[in-house]
Amino acid sequence: MFLGEALADRASKRKQLEQVAARAAAVARYQEGEEPAENADELLVKGRALIGELREPARRINRTNCATELEPGFTLTDALALRDGYAAQYKPSAMDREAAEARPPTRNRPGPARGWGAGPPRSAGS
């Protein structure tokens, strides 16, 4: 199986698992005296089976990512770790920017806050 096929298989199984989880949550919320729309035990068995099916594609994908060098000494796993780090660094900055745009600046808060990896705030003269 090629990497693309394994990624598609994993995505499909994750989506199925999310759907089963949503159905299980719906079954957990029903009125006293009513019968739930689905059997919770069957959903649990299906969810556990999907989790088991997710393990093999994840192992194959991880092995491929570790073995694939984009440059000597720099694997696809390294690149994915960088991507995840940049995403984590960007998220607080984007949330701060959205929050700052939603309210007018004040004397103590002149504008959007800076993100996690953005460095120290600039002074007024720089």
N, C-alpha and C. Protein backbone atom coordinates (compact mmCIF):
# COMPACT_ATOMS: atom_id res chain seq x y z
N MET A 1 0.85 -1.18 0.00
CA MET A 1 0.00 0.00 0.00
C MET A 1 0.89 1.24 0.00
N PHE A 2 0.55 2.19 -0.83
CA PHE A 2 1.31 3.43 -0.91
C PHE A 2 0.92 4.36 0.24
N LEU A 3 1.78 5.35 0.49
CA LEU A 3 1.53 6.28 1.58
C LEU A 3 0.20 6.99 1.42
N GLY A 4 -0.10 7.43 0.21
CA GLY A 4 -1.37 8.13 -0.03
C GLY A 4 -2.57 7.27 0.29
N GLU A 5 -2.50 6.00 -0.06
CA GLU A 5 -3.60 5.09 0.24
C GLU A 5 -3.74 4.89 1.75
N ALA A 6 -2.62 4.77 2.44
CA ALA A 6 -2.65 4.59 3.89
C ALA A 6 -3.22 5.84 4.57
N LEU A 7 -2.86 7.03 4.07
CA LEU A 7 -3.39 8.27 4.63
C LEU A 7 -4.90 8.37 4.41
N ALA A 8 -5.35 8.00 3.20
CA ALA A 8 -6.79 8.02 2.91
C ALA A 8 -7.54 7.01 3.77
N ASP A 9 -6.95 5.83 3.95
CA ASP A 9 -7.57 4.80 4.78
C ASP A 9 -7.68 5.28 6.22
N ARG A 10 -6.62 5.90 6.73
CA ARG A 10 -6.64 6.41 8.10
C ARG A 10 -7.68 7.51 8.25
N ALA A 11 -7.76 8.41 7.29
CA ALA A 11 -8.73 9.50 7.36
C ALA A 11 -10.16 8.96 7.35
N SER A 12 -10.41 7.96 6.53
CA SER A 12 -11.74 7.36 6.45
C SER A 12 -12.11 6.70 7.78
N LYS A 13 -11.18 5.97 8.35
CA LYS A 13 -11.45 5.29 9.62
C LYS A 13 -11.64 6.30 10.75
N ARG A 14 -10.86 7.38 10.74
CA ARG A 14 -11.03 8.42 11.76
C ARG A 14 -12.42 9.04 11.67
N LYS A 15 -12.86 9.30 10.44
CA LYS A 15 -14.18 9.89 10.25
C LYS A 15 -15.26 8.93 10.75
N GLN A 16 -15.11 7.64 10.43
CA GLN A 16 -16.08 6.65 10.90
C GLN A 16 -16.10 6.61 12.43
N LEU A 17 -14.91 6.68 13.04
CA LEU A 17 -14.83 6.65 14.49
C LEU A 17 -15.49 7.88 15.11
N GLU A 18 -15.30 9.05 14.51
CA GLU A 18 -15.96 10.27 14.99
C GLU A 18 -17.48 10.13 14.92
N GLN A 19 -17.96 9.52 13.82
CA GLN A 19 -19.40 9.32 13.66
C GLN A 19 -19.95 8.37 14.72
N VAL A 20 -19.22 7.29 14.98
CA VAL A 20 -19.64 6.34 16.01
C VAL A 20 -19.65 7.03 17.38
N ALA A 21 -18.64 7.84 17.65
CA ALA A 21 -18.57 8.56 18.93
C ALA A 21 -19.76 9.52 19.06
N ALA A 22 -20.11 10.21 17.99
CA ALA A 22 -21.25 11.14 18.02
C ALA A 22 -22.55 10.37 18.25
N ARG A 23 -22.68 9.23 17.60
CA ARG A 23 -23.88 8.40 17.80
C ARG A 23 -23.94 7.89 19.23
N ALA A 24 -22.80 7.49 19.79
CA ALA A 24 -22.77 7.00 21.17
C ALA A 24 -23.16 8.12 22.13
N ALA A 25 -22.70 9.33 21.87
CA ALA A 25 -23.06 10.46 22.72
C ALA A 25 -24.56 10.73 22.64
N ALA A 26 -25.14 10.59 21.45
CA ALA A 26 -26.59 10.79 21.29
C ALA A 26 -27.37 9.70 22.04
N VAL A 27 -26.87 8.49 22.01
CA VAL A 27 -27.53 7.38 22.70
C VAL A 27 -27.49 7.61 24.21
N ALA A 28 -26.42 8.22 24.69
CA ALA A 28 -26.28 8.45 26.13
C ALA A 28 -27.28 9.50 26.63
N ARG A 29 -27.81 10.32 25.73
CA ARG A 29 -28.77 11.37 26.12
C ARG A 29 -30.16 11.01 25.59
N TYR A 30 -30.91 10.35 26.39
CA TYR A 30 -32.29 10.08 26.02
C TYR A 30 -33.16 10.22 27.26
N GLN A 31 -34.42 10.47 27.06
CA GLN A 31 -35.34 10.72 28.16
C GLN A 31 -35.60 9.44 28.95
N GLU A 32 -35.79 9.61 30.25
CA GLU A 32 -36.12 8.47 31.09
C GLU A 32 -37.42 7.84 30.60
N GLY A 33 -37.43 6.53 30.52
CA GLY A 33 -38.61 5.82 30.05
C GLY A 33 -38.61 5.57 28.54
N GLU A 34 -37.73 6.22 27.81
CA GLU A 34 -37.62 6.01 26.36
C GLU A 34 -36.53 4.99 26.07
N GLU A 35 -36.62 4.39 24.93
CA GLU A 35 -35.58 3.47 24.47
C GLU A 35 -34.59 4.26 23.61
N PRO A 36 -33.28 4.06 23.80
CA PRO A 36 -32.31 4.75 22.93
C PRO A 36 -32.45 4.26 21.49
N ALA A 37 -32.07 5.13 20.55
CA ALA A 37 -32.20 4.81 19.13
C ALA A 37 -31.28 3.66 18.72
N GLU A 38 -30.14 3.51 19.41
CA GLU A 38 -29.17 2.46 19.07
C GLU A 38 -28.69 1.79 20.34
N ASN A 39 -28.15 0.60 20.18
CA ASN A 39 -27.60 -0.15 21.29
C ASN A 39 -26.20 0.37 21.61
N ALA A 40 -26.01 0.87 22.82
CA ALA A 40 -24.72 1.44 23.22
C ALA A 40 -23.60 0.39 23.18
N ASP A 41 -23.91 -0.84 23.55
CA ASP A 41 -22.89 -1.90 23.54
C ASP A 41 -22.39 -2.18 22.12
N GLU A 42 -23.31 -2.18 21.16
CA GLU A 42 -22.91 -2.39 19.76
C GLU A 42 -22.02 -1.26 19.26
N LEU A 43 -22.37 -0.03 19.65
CA LEU A 43 -21.54 1.12 19.26
C LEU A 43 -20.15 1.03 19.88
N LEU A 44 -20.08 0.59 21.10
CA LEU A 44 -18.80 0.42 21.78
C LEU A 44 -17.94 -0.62 21.06
N VAL A 45 -18.54 -1.74 20.68
CA VAL A 45 -17.82 -2.78 19.95
C VAL A 45 -17.33 -2.24 18.62
N LYS A 46 -18.18 -1.50 17.90
CA LYS A 46 -17.80 -0.93 16.61
C LYS A 46 -16.66 0.08 16.78
N GLY A 47 -16.75 0.91 17.80
CA GLY A 47 -15.70 1.90 18.05
C GLY A 47 -14.36 1.24 18.35
N ARG A 48 -14.40 0.19 19.18
CA ARG A 48 -13.16 -0.52 19.50
C ARG A 48 -12.57 -1.20 18.27
N ALA A 49 -13.43 -1.72 17.41
CA ALA A 49 -12.94 -2.36 16.18
C ALA A 49 -12.26 -1.33 15.27
N LEU A 50 -12.87 -0.15 15.16
CA LEU A 50 -12.27 0.90 14.33
C LEU A 50 -10.93 1.35 14.90
N ILE A 51 -10.84 1.45 16.21
CA ILE A 51 -9.56 1.83 16.82
C ILE A 51 -8.50 0.78 16.48
N GLY A 52 -8.87 -0.47 16.54
CA GLY A 52 -7.94 -1.54 16.17
C GLY A 52 -7.52 -1.44 14.71
N GLU A 53 -8.47 -1.10 13.84
CA GLU A 53 -8.17 -0.96 12.41
C GLU A 53 -7.30 0.26 12.13
N LEU A 54 -7.35 1.26 12.99
CA LEU A 54 -6.53 2.47 12.81
C LEU A 54 -5.06 2.22 13.13
N ARG A 55 -4.78 1.24 13.93
CA ARG A 55 -3.40 1.01 14.37
C ARG A 55 -2.47 0.66 13.21
N GLU A 56 -2.87 -0.23 12.34
CA GLU A 56 -1.97 -0.67 11.27
C GLU A 56 -1.65 0.46 10.28
N PRO A 57 -2.64 1.20 9.78
CA PRO A 57 -2.27 2.33 8.90
C PRO A 57 -1.36 3.33 9.60
N ALA A 58 -1.62 3.59 10.89
CA ALA A 58 -0.77 4.54 11.63
C ALA A 58 0.66 4.03 11.70
N ARG A 59 0.84 2.75 11.95
CA ARG A 59 2.19 2.18 12.02
C ARG A 59 2.90 2.30 10.66
N ARG A 60 2.18 1.98 9.58
CA ARG A 60 2.79 2.06 8.24
C ARG A 60 3.16 3.49 7.89
N ILE A 61 2.25 4.41 8.19
CA ILE A 61 2.51 5.83 7.89
C ILE A 61 3.72 6.32 8.69
N ASN A 62 3.77 5.99 9.96
CA ASN A 62 4.89 6.44 10.80
C ASN A 62 6.22 5.84 10.34
N ARG A 63 6.21 4.56 9.96
CA ARG A 63 7.44 3.94 9.45
C ARG A 63 7.92 4.63 8.18
N THR A 64 6.98 4.92 7.29
CA THR A 64 7.34 5.59 6.03
C THR A 64 7.88 6.99 6.31
N ASN A 65 7.21 7.73 7.20
CA ASN A 65 7.65 9.08 7.52
C ASN A 65 9.05 9.09 8.13
N CYS A 66 9.36 8.09 8.95
CA CYS A 66 10.69 8.01 9.58
C CYS A 66 11.76 7.64 8.57
N ALA A 67 11.41 6.85 7.58
CA ALA A 67 12.39 6.36 6.61
C ALA A 67 12.58 7.31 5.43
N THR A 68 11.66 8.23 5.22
CA THR A 68 11.72 9.11 4.05
C THR A 68 12.53 10.35 4.40
N GLU A 69 13.70 10.48 3.77
CA GLU A 69 14.54 11.66 3.99
C GLU A 69 14.25 12.69 2.90
N LEU A 70 13.92 13.89 3.33
CA LEU A 70 13.73 14.99 2.40
C LEU A 70 15.07 15.59 2.00
N GLU A 71 15.97 15.60 2.96
CA GLU A 71 17.37 15.99 2.78
C GLU A 71 18.18 15.04 3.66
N PRO A 72 19.44 14.90 3.40
CA PRO A 72 20.22 14.01 4.28
C PRO A 72 20.08 14.41 5.75
N GLY A 73 19.65 13.47 6.58
CA GLY A 73 19.50 13.71 8.00
C GLY A 73 18.23 14.44 8.39
N PHE A 74 17.34 14.72 7.44
CA PHE A 74 16.09 15.45 7.72
C PHE A 74 14.94 14.65 7.13
N THR A 75 14.20 13.97 8.02
CA THR A 75 13.14 13.08 7.57
C THR A 75 11.80 13.80 7.46
N LEU A 76 10.87 13.09 6.87
CA LEU A 76 9.50 13.60 6.78
C LEU A 76 8.92 13.81 8.18
N THR A 77 9.29 12.93 9.12
CA THR A 77 8.87 13.10 10.51
C THR A 77 9.39 14.41 11.07
N ASP A 78 10.63 14.77 10.77
CA ASP A 78 11.18 16.05 11.21
C ASP A 78 10.39 17.22 10.64
N ALA A 79 10.03 17.13 9.37
CA ALA A 79 9.27 18.19 8.72
C ALA A 79 7.88 18.32 9.35
N LEU A 80 7.25 17.19 9.65
CA LEU A 80 5.94 17.23 10.28
C LEU A 80 6.01 17.84 11.68
N ALA A 81 7.08 17.54 12.41
CA ALA A 81 7.26 18.12 13.74
C ALA A 81 7.43 19.64 13.64
N LEU A 82 8.18 20.09 12.65
CA LEU A 82 8.32 21.54 12.44
C LEU A 82 6.98 22.17 12.12
N ARG A 83 6.22 21.53 11.22
CA ARG A 83 4.91 22.05 10.84
C ARG A 83 4.02 22.17 12.07
N ASP A 84 4.00 21.13 12.90
CA ASP A 84 3.16 21.16 14.09
C ASP A 84 3.61 22.26 15.06
N GLY A 85 4.92 22.45 15.17
CA GLY A 85 5.44 23.51 16.03
C GLY A 85 5.05 24.89 15.53
N TYR A 86 5.15 25.11 14.22
CA TYR A 86 4.76 26.40 13.66
C TYR A 86 3.26 26.63 13.83
N ALA A 87 2.46 25.58 13.66
CA ALA A 87 1.01 25.72 13.84
C ALA A 87 0.69 26.08 15.28
N ALA A 88 1.36 25.43 16.24
CA ALA A 88 1.13 25.73 17.65
C ALA A 88 1.58 27.15 17.98
N GLN A 89 2.65 27.60 17.35
CA GLN A 89 3.15 28.95 17.58
C GLN A 89 2.19 29.98 16.99
N TYR A 90 1.61 29.67 15.83
CA TYR A 90 0.74 30.62 15.13
C TYR A 90 -0.62 30.74 15.81
N LYS A 91 -1.14 29.64 16.36
CA LYS A 91 -2.51 29.63 16.88
C LYS A 91 -2.76 30.68 17.95
N PRO A 92 -1.94 30.78 19.01
CA PRO A 92 -2.21 31.84 20.00
C PRO A 92 -2.13 33.23 19.39
N SER A 93 -1.22 33.43 18.47
CA SER A 93 -1.08 34.73 17.82
C SER A 93 -2.34 35.07 17.03
N ALA A 94 -2.87 34.08 16.30
CA ALA A 94 -4.09 34.31 15.52
C ALA A 94 -5.29 34.56 16.43
N MET A 95 -5.37 33.81 17.53
CA MET A 95 -6.47 34.01 18.48
C MET A 95 -6.38 35.38 19.12
N ASP A 96 -5.16 35.80 19.47
CA ASP A 96 -4.96 37.13 20.05
C ASP A 96 -5.37 38.21 19.06
N ARG A 97 -4.99 38.01 17.81
CA ARG A 97 -5.30 38.99 16.77
C ARG A 97 -6.81 39.10 16.58
N GLU A 98 -7.49 37.96 16.55
CA GLU A 98 -8.95 37.98 16.40
C GLU A 98 -9.61 38.67 17.58
N ALA A 99 -9.13 38.38 18.78
CA ALA A 99 -9.70 39.02 19.97
C ALA A 99 -9.43 40.51 19.96
N ALA A 100 -8.24 40.92 19.54
CA ALA A 100 -7.89 42.34 19.52
C ALA A 100 -8.71 43.09 18.47
N GLU A 101 -8.99 42.43 17.36
CA GLU A 101 -9.79 43.07 16.31
C GLU A 101 -11.24 43.22 16.73
N ALA A 102 -11.68 42.40 17.69
CA ALA A 102 -13.06 42.44 18.13
C ALA A 102 -13.32 43.58 19.13
N ARG A 103 -12.28 44.17 19.69
CA ARG A 103 -12.47 45.27 20.64
C ARG A 103 -11.49 46.40 20.31
N PRO A 104 -11.87 47.62 20.59
CA PRO A 104 -11.00 48.76 20.24
C PRO A 104 -9.76 48.81 21.14
N PRO A 105 -8.65 49.33 20.62
CA PRO A 105 -7.43 49.46 21.43
C PRO A 105 -7.66 50.40 22.61
N THR A 106 -6.90 50.20 23.68
CA THR A 106 -6.95 51.09 24.85
C THR A 106 -5.54 51.61 25.10
N ARG A 107 -5.42 52.48 26.08
CA ARG A 107 -4.11 53.04 26.40
C ARG A 107 -3.15 51.95 26.86
N ASN A 108 -3.62 50.98 27.66
CA ASN A 108 -2.78 49.91 28.16
C ASN A 108 -2.59 48.77 27.17
N ARG A 109 -3.45 48.69 26.17
CA ARG A 109 -3.38 47.62 25.20
C ARG A 109 -3.50 48.23 23.80
N PRO A 110 -2.37 48.65 23.21
CA PRO A 110 -2.43 49.38 21.96
C PRO A 110 -2.83 48.54 20.74
N GLY A 111 -2.68 47.24 20.79
CA GLY A 111 -3.03 46.45 19.61
C GLY A 111 -2.95 44.97 19.91
N PRO A 112 -2.93 44.15 18.86
CA PRO A 112 -2.91 42.71 19.06
C PRO A 112 -1.70 42.25 19.86
N ALA A 113 -1.92 41.25 20.71
CA ALA A 113 -0.82 40.65 21.47
C ALA A 113 0.04 39.83 20.52
N ARG A 114 1.25 39.54 20.95
CA ARG A 114 2.17 38.78 20.10
C ARG A 114 2.10 37.30 20.44
N GLY A 115 2.40 36.43 19.46
CA GLY A 115 2.31 34.98 19.63
C GLY A 115 3.40 34.41 20.51
N TRP A 116 3.32 33.12 20.76
CA TRP A 116 4.24 32.43 21.66
C TRP A 116 5.70 32.56 21.23
N GLY A 117 5.98 32.42 19.97
CA GLY A 117 7.37 32.45 19.53
C GLY A 117 7.76 33.74 18.87
N ALA A 118 6.97 34.79 19.07
CA ALA A 118 7.19 36.03 18.34
C ALA A 118 8.30 36.89 18.91
N GLY A 119 8.82 36.57 20.10
CA GLY A 119 9.87 37.36 20.68
C GLY A 119 9.32 38.45 21.58
N PRO A 120 10.22 39.26 22.14
CA PRO A 120 9.77 40.29 23.09
C PRO A 120 9.03 41.40 22.37
N PRO A 121 8.15 42.10 23.09
CA PRO A 121 7.45 43.22 22.47
C PRO A 121 8.42 44.32 22.08
N ARG A 122 8.10 45.02 21.03
CA ARG A 122 8.95 46.12 20.56
C ARG A 122 8.66 47.36 21.38
N SER A 123 9.72 48.14 21.61
CA SER A 123 9.51 49.42 22.30
C SER A 123 8.99 50.43 21.29
N ALA A 124 8.45 51.54 21.78
CA ALA A 124 7.86 52.54 20.90
C ALA A 124 8.88 53.14 19.95
N GLY A 125 10.15 53.17 20.30
CA GLY A 125 11.15 53.79 19.46
C GLY A 125 11.75 52.88 18.40
N SER A 126 11.43 51.58 18.39
CA SER A 126 12.07 50.69 17.42
C SER A 126 11.24 50.37 16.24
